[in-house]
Structures are given as structure tokens and as C-alpha cells.
Amino acid sequence: MNPKRIGFLGFEGVAASELTRAADVLAAATLDGGYGNRISCYHVCTIGFTSERFRSESGIAFWPDSTFETASELDTIVIPGGDGLRRSLVSETIADWVLARVNETRRVVAIGGGIYGVAPSGLLDGREVTTHWRYANDVARCFPNLRVDPRRHLIKDGAFYTSSGPSAAVDLSLALIEEDYGRHVASVVAQEFVSAPMNGNGQHKLPCPLVFDSQPADRFAELIPWIMRNLHEDLSVNTLARRACMSPSHFNRAFKSVFGSAPAEFVENLRINEAKRRLAVPKRTLEIIAASVGFSDAQTFRRAFERRLGAKPRSYLKNFNGSSMAAASANGKAALPQTGRMSGAQEALTIPTRD
């Protein structure tokens, strides 16, 4: 699974709380990859006008990961608010950049005053939007084609998402997580960032981040851990679709939209990752390992392994151990001898969540 890339735009005079709150919530979203692994749902990055640092309203300095010219393809663009956006050069530059990227971006998000960075593009004309109540009259005056409703906390209109201000940044991020990965994942993250309300008995109730309509991803919340526990079983599209209570065709489309790859490719990658770990266990034949992670025979396993990693299984392990021991020797550490237990290099072998 490839994490969805979320780009936060940075500029002089950005509202630090709107940038960091939303980014922290998205970065906390993970899936259970099985065997103690966590799979990040998002890759969060900051994008600046230049590669130089920029300062927030409060004076906090940020260094961008990339610039408007060098930023790679993004799933979501997020524009935080801030006094800096009230300068026409800043807001119009951002609006032009968003307009140029909109056709290759799944959604555009404005937090509070961030709407000033999107509205000049014309992309919000005729759409329902919200913003901080302090800016509502000015936004309506400057952009009369927008349908501004400051009474609403969050609004989604097509591919465009707006929120009322800093207090809504967390809720907006939780709504995006729920839309992408389902209610369960969003609820787990909400427990870290949302204060739990009290019920009539003085007990805390778990926060519920439901805002937008949930997508089929809601049914995938427990699917990945189940796959990891059952790699040796039949994991065809039909089997997985039945598990998710969906038709195979619908499941295939929904799975690709959430995880960025077809189910068969995703499952094969998990099987190869787990096989790499099992290769480090002494006295296991390729036939045993292949069967234990769901390949029909050793030859099919070899082909898949070589296709993914560019090396045959045993050669891969030999090269891995050789490079690990060389690194240990370079650091002045003696390599452990081969005994009945795994060597230090072998013990260090773990399953990466993705290649």
C-alpha cells in the first residue's frame, strides 16, 4: 500500500495551528499490517514558495519539503489560513498553483482563512463553502459567486472541502480519514485528538468523528490484519469480496481507490514481505516457506520474489546478511557465528510494510 500524499501549503504569515493540527491528525492514521507492523495511511509534506524557511503568524519557522516548482503529484492539497493570505500576491500565487494542479489532484482543502488561497481561482464559484465567521462577510463581498455559510462547521462540495477555522482543523482531518479509510480508523485517531464527552453517568464516551458519508473503505478496517493472519489461505478477489460483504467488481474498484493497487498485487506484496522474514529462520526450505505464505509452489514463489526484489530468495538473504555483517564489522562489532539460533544480522531482519 502506498500512503496518500497530502501537501500542506506554507507561506509567510501562515496560521501554525491550522497547519500543524491537521497534519498531526493525518500523520497519526495507520492500518494494522499484522505481526506488530503499522502501515501509514498518509505521507504528509509541506510545500513552500521557495526552499527557504517561512515563518508563521506566531513566529514559528518551518522548512518546506518541496516547492511549488518541485512538488510531486499529490492526492490532496491543503491550504491553511493565516494573515499572510490577505496579501494579494500570496493568495493569487497559491490560487494559480492550485488551478494548475487541480486536474491531477483528488481534492482541495481550505482550513478557515485558507479559502482566500482557493477562491481567486474560480474553482469555488457556485459552490457551498464555509470559513471563520470573522472572514465570512469579507469573503462574500470579495467573491460574490461563492455560497458562503459560516454557520456550518465543515462543508464538502465536490472535490472541495472547507472548514470554519482552527477548531475545525482536527474535525476536518478526521472526516478525510473516515472518507478514505473508514469509520474505525477515524475513531481510533479521534481518541488521541478529541476530548471525550461525558455521558449522564459521568463516564467518558468515545468521540465519533462522523461528518461526511463513509466510503466502502469502512469495510476494509479489519481486512488487512485478517489477510496477514491468513496469507496461506485463498485470498482471491472473490474471497476478499465475500469477507468485505461486497460484490467482486465493486470490491475491486473500492480496494484500488483506497490502497492504490489491485487486490492481487497488494496480497502478493504482503506475502513477499512475510516470506523475507521467514527466510531468516534456519532449516526452512523454499517449498515450506512458499506454502506458508500462500504460493502454490516454490517456482511460483521464486518468480514473484525475483520480480518484486530483483533477486532470488536465497541470494537476497545472502546479500542482506553479507551487507549487514560488513556494516557491523565497519562499526567495530564482531559478527556472531552461525549457530542454532539466528545471527545478529538475521535477527535484525524485519518485514518492511512496503517495498
Protein backbone atom coordinates (compact mmCIF):
# COMPACT_ATOMS: atom_id res chain seq x y z
CA MET A 1 0.00 0.00 0.00
CA ASN A 2 1.26 3.46 -0.91
CA PRO A 3 0.32 6.19 1.58
CA LYS A 4 -1.74 9.02 0.11
CA ARG A 5 0.39 12.14 -0.34
CA ILE A 6 -1.01 15.20 1.42
CA GLY A 7 0.61 18.55 0.63
CA PHE A 8 0.23 21.45 3.08
CA LEU A 9 0.99 24.82 1.51
CA GLY A 10 3.23 27.08 3.57
CA PHE A 11 3.81 30.82 3.30
CA GLU A 12 4.95 33.76 5.37
CA GLY A 13 2.25 34.50 7.92
CA VAL A 14 0.59 31.05 7.89
CA ALA A 15 -1.52 30.09 10.91
CA ALA A 16 0.71 27.48 12.56
CA SER A 17 -2.15 25.84 14.46
CA GLU A 18 -4.14 25.22 11.29
CA LEU A 19 -1.15 23.62 9.59
CA THR A 20 0.13 21.51 12.47
CA ARG A 21 -3.19 20.36 13.94
CA ALA A 22 -4.47 18.98 10.67
CA ALA A 23 -1.08 17.47 9.75
CA ASP A 24 -0.67 15.74 13.12
CA VAL A 25 -4.10 14.10 12.87
CA LEU A 26 -3.46 12.79 9.34
CA ALA A 27 0.01 11.54 10.27
CA ALA A 28 -1.48 9.53 13.17
CA ALA A 29 -3.71 7.46 10.88
CA THR A 30 -2.34 3.93 10.43
CA LEU A 31 -3.57 0.47 9.50
CA ASP A 32 -2.67 -2.76 11.26
CA GLY A 33 -0.27 -4.57 8.96
CA GLY A 34 -0.16 -7.68 11.14
CA TYR A 35 2.75 -9.03 13.21
CA GLY A 36 3.05 -5.70 15.02
CA ASN A 37 3.56 -3.63 11.86
CA ARG A 38 1.73 -0.35 11.30
CA ILE A 39 1.06 0.94 7.78
CA SER A 40 0.92 4.72 7.44
CA CYS A 41 -2.20 5.96 5.70
CA TYR A 42 -0.71 9.28 4.64
CA HIS A 43 2.57 10.86 3.68
CA VAL A 44 2.35 14.46 4.90
CA CYS A 45 4.62 17.12 3.39
CA THR A 46 4.91 20.90 3.35
CA ILE A 47 5.24 22.90 0.15
CA GLY A 48 6.67 26.40 0.11
CA PHE A 49 7.01 29.22 -2.40
CA THR A 50 10.76 28.59 -2.27
CA SER A 51 13.06 26.17 -0.46
CA GLU A 52 13.76 28.82 2.18
CA ARG A 53 12.10 28.65 5.57
CA PHE A 54 8.85 30.51 6.19
CA ARG A 55 7.50 31.87 9.46
CA SER A 56 4.03 31.58 10.88
CA GLU A 57 1.98 34.41 12.38
CA SER A 58 3.38 33.47 15.79
CA GLY A 59 6.99 33.38 14.59
CA ILE A 60 7.46 29.61 14.39
CA ALA A 61 9.77 28.70 11.50
CA PHE A 62 9.03 25.89 9.04
CA TRP A 63 11.26 24.38 6.36
CA PRO A 64 9.30 23.08 3.35
CA ASP A 65 9.88 19.61 1.93
CA SER A 66 9.49 20.90 -1.62
CA THR A 67 8.47 23.99 -3.56
CA PHE A 68 5.69 24.90 -5.95
CA GLU A 69 8.05 24.02 -8.80
CA THR A 70 9.39 20.73 -7.42
CA ALA A 71 6.35 19.24 -5.64
CA SER A 72 5.43 15.78 -6.89
CA GLU A 73 1.91 14.54 -7.56
CA LEU A 74 -0.45 14.90 -4.60
CA ASP A 75 -3.63 13.18 -3.55
CA THR A 76 -4.81 16.19 -1.53
CA ILE A 77 -3.79 19.84 -1.33
CA VAL A 78 -4.41 21.61 1.99
CA ILE A 79 -4.35 25.41 2.30
CA PRO A 80 -4.20 26.61 5.92
CA GLY A 81 -5.31 30.11 6.81
CA GLY A 82 -3.21 32.96 8.14
CA ASP A 83 -2.74 36.70 7.80
CA GLY A 84 -0.24 36.12 5.02
CA LEU A 85 -3.08 35.10 2.70
CA ARG A 86 -4.57 38.58 2.94
CA ARG A 87 -1.75 39.80 0.71
CA SER A 88 -2.96 39.55 -2.87
CA LEU A 89 0.39 38.39 -4.22
CA VAL A 90 0.37 35.39 -1.86
CA SER A 91 -3.28 34.42 -2.34
CA GLU A 92 -3.20 34.80 -6.14
CA THR A 93 0.05 32.84 -6.47
CA ILE A 94 -1.43 29.99 -4.45
CA ALA A 95 -4.71 30.13 -6.39
CA ASP A 96 -2.85 29.94 -9.72
CA TRP A 97 -0.82 26.96 -8.50
CA VAL A 98 -3.90 25.13 -7.23
CA LEU A 99 -5.69 25.80 -10.53
CA ALA A 100 -2.75 24.33 -12.45
CA ARG A 101 -2.74 21.19 -10.27
CA VAL A 102 -6.45 20.61 -9.78
CA ASN A 103 -6.90 18.13 -12.63
CA GLU A 104 -4.26 15.79 -11.18
CA THR A 105 -5.35 16.20 -7.55
CA ARG A 106 -8.22 14.28 -5.97
CA ARG A 107 -9.32 17.01 -3.58
CA VAL A 108 -8.54 20.53 -2.37
CA VAL A 109 -8.98 21.52 1.28
CA ALA A 110 -9.15 25.04 2.76
CA ILE A 111 -8.95 25.50 6.53
CA GLY A 112 -10.54 28.69 7.86
CA GLY A 113 -8.97 31.66 6.07
CA GLY A 114 -7.32 29.26 3.65
CA ILE A 115 -10.33 29.92 1.44
CA TYR A 116 -8.54 33.11 0.31
CA GLY A 117 -5.99 30.87 -1.39
CA VAL A 118 -8.59 28.98 -3.42
CA ALA A 119 -11.41 31.45 -4.17
CA PRO A 120 -9.42 33.63 -6.64
CA SER A 121 -9.00 30.59 -8.90
CA GLY A 122 -12.74 30.48 -9.63
CA LEU A 123 -12.86 26.82 -8.63
CA LEU A 124 -15.30 27.55 -5.81
CA ASP A 125 -17.74 29.64 -7.89
CA GLY A 126 -21.31 28.45 -7.34
CA ARG A 127 -20.21 26.07 -4.57
CA GLU A 128 -21.22 25.95 -0.91
CA VAL A 129 -18.35 26.94 1.35
CA THR A 130 -17.69 27.88 4.94
CA THR A 131 -14.98 29.86 6.68
CA HIS A 132 -14.28 31.50 10.01
CA TRP A 133 -17.13 33.80 10.99
CA ARG A 134 -14.67 36.72 11.17
CA TYR A 135 -13.96 36.43 7.43
CA ALA A 136 -17.43 35.45 6.21
CA ASN A 137 -18.68 38.91 5.20
CA ASP A 138 -15.41 39.82 3.51
CA VAL A 139 -15.28 36.52 1.59
CA ALA A 140 -18.88 37.01 0.43
CA ARG A 141 -18.07 40.57 -0.68
CA CYS A 142 -14.82 39.73 -2.47
CA PHE A 143 -16.14 36.54 -4.09
CA PRO A 144 -19.89 37.04 -4.69
CA ASN A 145 -20.20 33.80 -6.68
CA LEU A 146 -19.49 31.72 -3.57
CA ARG A 147 -22.37 30.44 -1.42
CA VAL A 148 -20.89 31.24 1.99
CA ASP A 149 -22.44 29.72 5.11
CA PRO A 150 -20.30 30.44 8.22
CA ARG A 151 -22.80 28.62 10.45
CA ARG A 152 -21.61 25.26 9.19
CA HIS A 153 -18.52 23.62 10.67
CA LEU A 154 -17.41 21.66 7.61
CA ILE A 155 -18.64 21.63 4.03
CA LYS A 156 -17.80 19.29 1.19
CA ASP A 157 -18.87 20.34 -2.31
CA GLY A 158 -17.48 18.07 -4.99
CA ALA A 159 -13.71 17.83 -4.68
CA PHE A 160 -13.53 20.93 -2.48
CA TYR A 161 -13.58 20.91 1.33
CA THR A 162 -13.80 23.98 3.58
CA SER A 163 -13.84 24.36 7.35
CA SER A 164 -14.70 27.16 9.74
CA GLY A 165 -11.31 27.67 11.38
CA PRO A 166 -8.59 26.32 13.70
CA SER A 167 -11.04 24.46 15.93
CA ALA A 168 -12.37 22.64 12.88
CA ALA A 169 -8.94 21.58 11.58
CA VAL A 170 -8.94 18.37 13.65
CA ASP A 171 -12.53 17.52 12.71
CA LEU A 172 -11.79 18.12 9.05
CA SER A 173 -8.79 15.79 9.11
CA LEU A 174 -10.82 13.11 10.89
CA ALA A 175 -13.51 13.45 8.24
CA LEU A 176 -10.92 12.96 5.49
CA ILE A 177 -9.58 9.86 7.25
CA GLU A 178 -13.07 8.43 7.57
CA GLU A 179 -13.78 9.11 3.94
CA ASP A 180 -10.55 7.38 2.87
CA TYR A 181 -10.21 4.50 5.34
CA GLY A 182 -13.49 4.13 7.17
CA ARG A 183 -15.11 4.89 10.49
CA HIS A 184 -12.98 2.53 12.55
CA VAL A 185 -9.63 4.09 11.57
CA ALA A 186 -11.00 7.62 12.09
CA SER A 187 -12.40 6.71 15.50
CA VAL A 188 -9.06 5.31 16.69
CA VAL A 189 -7.31 8.56 15.69
CA ALA A 190 -10.11 10.63 17.25
CA GLN A 191 -9.40 9.07 20.63
CA GLU A 192 -5.95 10.69 20.53
CA PHE A 193 -7.03 14.18 19.48
CA VAL A 194 -10.63 14.76 20.57
CA SER A 195 -11.67 15.27 24.19
CA ALA A 196 -14.19 12.59 25.07
CA PRO A 197 -17.58 13.98 26.19
CA MET A 198 -19.23 12.80 29.39
CA ASN A 199 -22.46 10.84 29.44
CA GLY A 200 -25.19 11.15 32.06
CA ASN A 201 -23.37 8.77 34.41
CA GLY A 202 -20.18 10.83 34.41
CA GLN A 203 -18.39 8.35 32.14
CA HIS A 204 -16.36 9.26 29.07
CA LYS A 205 -17.89 8.41 25.70
CA LEU A 206 -15.65 7.69 22.73
CA PRO A 207 -15.61 10.60 20.27
CA CYS A 208 -17.36 9.97 16.98
CA PRO A 209 -15.79 11.78 14.02
CA LEU A 210 -18.62 11.23 11.56
CA VAL A 211 -19.06 14.19 9.23
CA PHE A 212 -19.09 13.11 5.60
CA ASP A 213 -20.73 9.99 4.19
CA SER A 214 -18.49 6.99 4.77
CA GLN A 215 -16.98 5.24 1.77
CA PRO A 216 -16.62 1.46 1.20
CA ALA A 217 -13.22 1.80 2.93
CA ASP A 218 -15.20 1.44 6.15
CA ARG A 219 -15.39 -2.27 5.39
CA PHE A 220 -11.63 -2.58 4.98
CA ALA A 221 -10.83 -1.59 8.59
CA GLU A 222 -10.26 -5.20 9.71
CA LEU A 223 -9.47 -6.70 6.33
CA ILE A 224 -5.69 -6.11 6.24
CA PRO A 225 -4.99 -7.75 9.65
CA TRP A 226 -7.18 -10.67 8.59
CA ILE A 227 -5.21 -11.04 5.35
CA MET A 228 -1.93 -11.00 7.29
CA ARG A 229 -3.18 -13.76 9.57
CA ASN A 230 -4.32 -15.86 6.63
CA LEU A 231 -1.61 -15.46 3.98
CA HIS A 232 -1.60 -19.23 3.44
CA GLU A 233 -5.29 -19.26 2.51
CA ASP A 234 -7.13 -18.49 -0.73
CA LEU A 235 -7.04 -14.69 -0.98
CA SER A 236 -8.62 -14.25 -4.38
CA VAL A 237 -10.80 -11.23 -5.17
CA ASN A 238 -13.91 -13.35 -4.72
CA THR A 239 -12.78 -14.49 -1.25
CA LEU A 240 -11.86 -10.99 -0.12
CA ALA A 241 -15.06 -9.52 -1.56
CA ARG A 242 -17.15 -12.02 0.40
CA ARG A 243 -15.19 -11.12 3.51
CA ALA A 244 -16.00 -7.43 2.96
CA CYS A 245 -19.64 -8.20 2.04
CA MET A 246 -19.27 -6.59 -1.40
CA SER A 247 -19.60 -7.74 -4.98
CA PRO A 248 -16.24 -8.66 -6.60
CA SER A 249 -16.40 -5.84 -9.17
CA HIS A 250 -17.34 -3.23 -6.56
CA PHE A 251 -14.72 -4.56 -4.16
CA ASN A 252 -12.01 -4.40 -6.82
CA ARG A 253 -12.77 -0.75 -7.64
CA ALA A 254 -13.11 0.30 -3.99
CA PHE A 255 -9.91 -1.50 -2.96
CA LYS A 256 -7.88 0.20 -5.69
CA SER A 257 -9.27 3.62 -4.76
CA VAL A 258 -8.26 3.15 -1.11
CA PHE A 259 -4.94 1.30 -1.35
CA GLY A 260 -3.69 2.39 -4.77
CA SER A 261 -3.17 -1.13 -6.15
CA ALA A 262 -5.21 -4.12 -7.25
CA PRO A 263 -6.05 -6.69 -4.53
CA ALA A 264 -3.88 -9.41 -6.12
CA GLU A 265 -0.85 -7.10 -6.28
CA PHE A 266 -1.39 -5.94 -2.71
CA VAL A 267 -1.68 -9.51 -1.39
CA GLU A 268 1.40 -10.68 -3.30
CA ASN A 269 3.40 -7.82 -1.81
CA LEU A 270 2.32 -8.81 1.72
CA ARG A 271 3.24 -12.43 1.01
CA ILE A 272 6.71 -11.49 -0.26
CA ASN A 273 7.33 -9.25 2.76
CA GLU A 274 6.39 -12.03 5.15
CA ALA A 275 8.45 -14.55 3.16
CA LYS A 276 11.53 -12.33 3.59
CA ARG A 277 11.12 -12.62 7.34
CA ARG A 278 10.66 -16.37 7.24
CA LEU A 279 13.74 -16.84 5.05
CA ALA A 280 15.83 -15.82 8.07
CA VAL A 281 14.63 -18.84 10.07
CA PRO A 282 17.17 -21.69 9.73
CA LYS A 283 16.31 -25.07 8.18
CA ARG A 284 13.24 -23.90 6.31
CA THR A 285 13.06 -24.96 2.69
CA LEU A 286 11.71 -22.72 -0.05
CA GLU A 287 8.84 -25.16 -0.51
CA ILE A 288 7.79 -24.80 3.13
CA ILE A 289 8.10 -21.01 3.07
CA ALA A 290 6.24 -20.73 -0.23
CA ALA A 291 3.33 -22.79 1.06
CA SER A 292 3.24 -20.99 4.41
CA VAL A 293 2.61 -17.62 2.76
CA GLY A 294 0.14 -18.85 0.15
CA PHE A 295 2.13 -19.58 -3.02
CA SER A 296 1.08 -22.69 -4.91
CA ASP A 297 4.64 -23.96 -5.32
CA ALA A 298 8.29 -22.93 -4.88
CA GLN A 299 8.72 -21.98 -8.54
CA THR A 300 5.82 -19.53 -8.45
CA PHE A 301 7.28 -18.09 -5.25
CA ARG A 302 10.73 -17.69 -6.83
CA ARG A 303 9.31 -15.86 -9.84
CA ALA A 304 7.23 -13.50 -7.71
CA PHE A 305 10.15 -12.84 -5.35
CA GLU A 306 12.55 -12.10 -8.19
CA ARG A 307 10.01 -9.89 -9.94
CA ARG A 308 9.48 -7.79 -6.81
CA LEU A 309 13.02 -7.65 -5.43
CA GLY A 310 15.27 -8.36 -8.39
CA ALA A 311 16.98 -11.32 -6.74
CA LYS A 312 16.31 -14.97 -6.00
CA PRO A 313 15.20 -15.73 -2.41
CA ARG A 314 18.40 -17.32 -1.12
CA SER A 315 20.61 -14.82 -2.96
CA TYR A 316 18.63 -11.98 -1.43
CA LEU A 317 19.12 -13.33 2.09
CA LYS A 318 22.81 -13.99 1.46
CA ASN A 319 23.37 -10.45 0.17
CA PHE A 320 21.36 -8.99 3.03
CA ASN A 321 23.34 -10.86 5.65
CA GLY A 322 26.63 -10.06 3.92
CA SER A 323 25.95 -6.34 3.84
CA SER A 324 24.68 -6.37 7.44
CA MET A 325 27.80 -8.16 8.70
CA ALA A 326 30.05 -5.82 6.73
CA ALA A 327 28.32 -2.86 8.33
CA ALA A 328 28.73 -4.43 11.76
CA SER A 329 32.44 -5.03 11.14
CA ALA A 330 32.87 -1.44 9.97
CA ASN A 331 31.41 -0.32 13.29
CA GLY A 332 33.88 -2.47 15.20
CA LYS A 333 31.41 -5.19 16.06
CA ALA A 334 32.29 -8.85 15.62
CA ALA A 335 29.82 -10.90 13.62
CA LEU A 336 28.17 -13.67 15.58
CA PRO A 337 28.94 -17.22 14.40
CA GLN A 338 26.27 -19.34 12.78
CA THR A 339 24.72 -21.48 15.49
CA GLY A 340 21.37 -23.00 16.20
CA ARG A 341 19.94 -19.52 16.87
CA MET A 342 19.82 -16.72 14.33
CA SER A 343 22.79 -14.44 13.90
CA GLY A 344 22.56 -10.80 14.83
CA ALA A 345 22.13 -9.89 11.17
CA GLN A 346 19.31 -12.35 10.80
CA GLU A 347 17.61 -11.20 13.97
CA ALA A 348 17.68 -7.67 12.56
CA LEU A 349 15.69 -8.76 9.51
CA THR A 350 12.18 -7.34 9.71
CA ILE A 351 9.28 -7.07 7.35
CA PRO A 352 9.01 -3.64 5.75
CA THR A 353 5.41 -2.60 5.28
CA ARG A 354 6.03 -1.76 1.65
CA ASP A 355 8.85 -2.05 -0.90
